[in-house]
Every structure is written in C-alpha cells, then in structure tokens.
Protein backbone atom coordinates (compact mmCIF):
# COMPACT_ATOMS: atom_id res chain seq x y z
CA MET A 1 29.86 38.50 2.88
CA LYS A 2 28.77 35.84 1.11
CA SER A 3 28.71 35.88 -2.86
CA ILE A 4 25.48 35.35 -4.83
CA ARG A 5 27.10 32.48 -5.92
CA PHE A 6 27.24 30.89 -2.80
CA ARG A 7 23.51 31.79 -1.57
CA LEU A 8 22.30 30.94 -4.64
CA THR A 9 23.79 27.39 -4.65
CA ALA A 10 22.63 26.95 -1.21
CA PHE A 11 19.03 28.09 -1.93
CA LEU A 12 19.04 25.52 -5.06
CA LEU A 13 20.30 22.96 -3.03
CA LEU A 14 17.84 23.05 -0.17
CA GLY A 15 15.18 23.48 -2.64
CA THR A 16 16.08 20.32 -4.69
CA LEU A 17 16.64 18.47 -1.43
CA ALA A 18 12.71 19.55 0.01
CA LEU A 19 11.24 18.78 -3.23
CA THR A 20 12.92 15.04 -3.23
CA PHE A 21 11.96 15.04 0.10
CA ILE A 22 8.15 15.68 -0.21
CA SER A 23 7.88 13.79 -3.76
CA THR A 24 9.39 10.72 -1.76
CA ALA A 25 6.90 10.87 0.76
CA VAL A 26 4.11 11.29 -1.47
CA LEU A 27 5.47 8.37 -3.86
CA TYR A 28 5.61 6.03 -0.23
CA PHE A 29 2.30 6.94 1.31
CA TYR A 30 0.62 6.84 -2.83
CA LEU A 31 2.28 3.05 -2.92
CA ARG A 32 1.75 2.12 0.67
CA TYR A 33 -2.13 2.59 -0.29
CA ALA A 34 -2.10 1.20 -3.61
CA PHE A 35 -0.63 -2.43 -1.81
CA VAL A 36 -2.78 -2.12 0.99
CA ARG A 37 -6.14 -1.99 -0.85
CA GLN A 38 -4.41 -4.74 -2.91
CA LEU A 39 -4.15 -6.78 -0.32
CA ASP A 40 -7.16 -6.40 0.81
CA ARG A 41 -9.22 -6.92 -2.20
CA SER A 42 -6.85 -10.22 -2.57
CA LEU A 43 -7.97 -11.07 0.63
CA GLU A 44 -11.54 -10.55 0.31
CA THR A 45 -11.64 -12.72 -2.84
CA GLN A 46 -9.59 -15.54 -0.76
CA GLY A 47 -12.42 -14.95 1.89
CA SER A 48 -15.28 -15.01 -0.72
CA MET A 49 -14.17 -18.55 -2.00
CA LEU A 50 -13.55 -20.15 1.24
CA ALA A 51 -17.22 -18.82 2.67
CA ALA A 52 -18.70 -20.28 -0.93
CA ALA A 53 -16.89 -23.97 -0.04
CA VAL A 54 -18.11 -24.59 3.45
CA GLN A 55 -21.23 -25.66 4.99
CA MET A 56 -22.31 -26.21 8.32
CA ASN A 57 -24.66 -29.22 9.05
CA LEU A 58 -27.46 -29.27 11.26
CA ASP A 59 -25.40 -30.92 13.87
CA GLY A 60 -22.83 -28.67 14.14
CA LYS A 61 -20.20 -30.03 12.04
CA ILE A 62 -18.23 -28.16 9.10
CA SER A 63 -17.88 -29.60 5.66
CA PHE A 64 -15.57 -28.32 2.78
CA GLU A 65 -16.57 -29.07 -0.95
CA THR A 66 -13.74 -30.16 -2.90
CA GLY A 67 -14.64 -29.54 -6.27
CA SER A 68 -13.43 -33.15 -7.14
C-alpha cells in the first residue's frame, strides 16, 4: 500500500507538469499567431509601398519612382 504522502506528491507533480504543458502550449500558439499577424502586416505595408512606386506605361514597360 502506498502512503498518502507518495500519492499526494505524485498527484501534485502530475498536476504541475500538466499545467506547465498546457500554459506553454497556449503561450506558443498565441505568440505564433501574434508574430504571423505582425509579419503579414509588415509584408502588406511593404507591398503597398512598392505598388505605389510602380507605374506601367501604355507600351507595357514598368517604371519605378525613386523619389529623388
């Protein structure tokens, strides 16, 4: 027969490990979502800036505005 002390220690250890695993997984997926969203916004901004600087002539040639 196992002692109450052993069972309590094992239960608390398993509970702590489960909570650690769950909180780490939640943090990972939240940070992944936040970083992907930030990357998407950055790429969208850069794409908009590039699209604003590009013009296509009537003959099909593409020209870039350099701003200088």
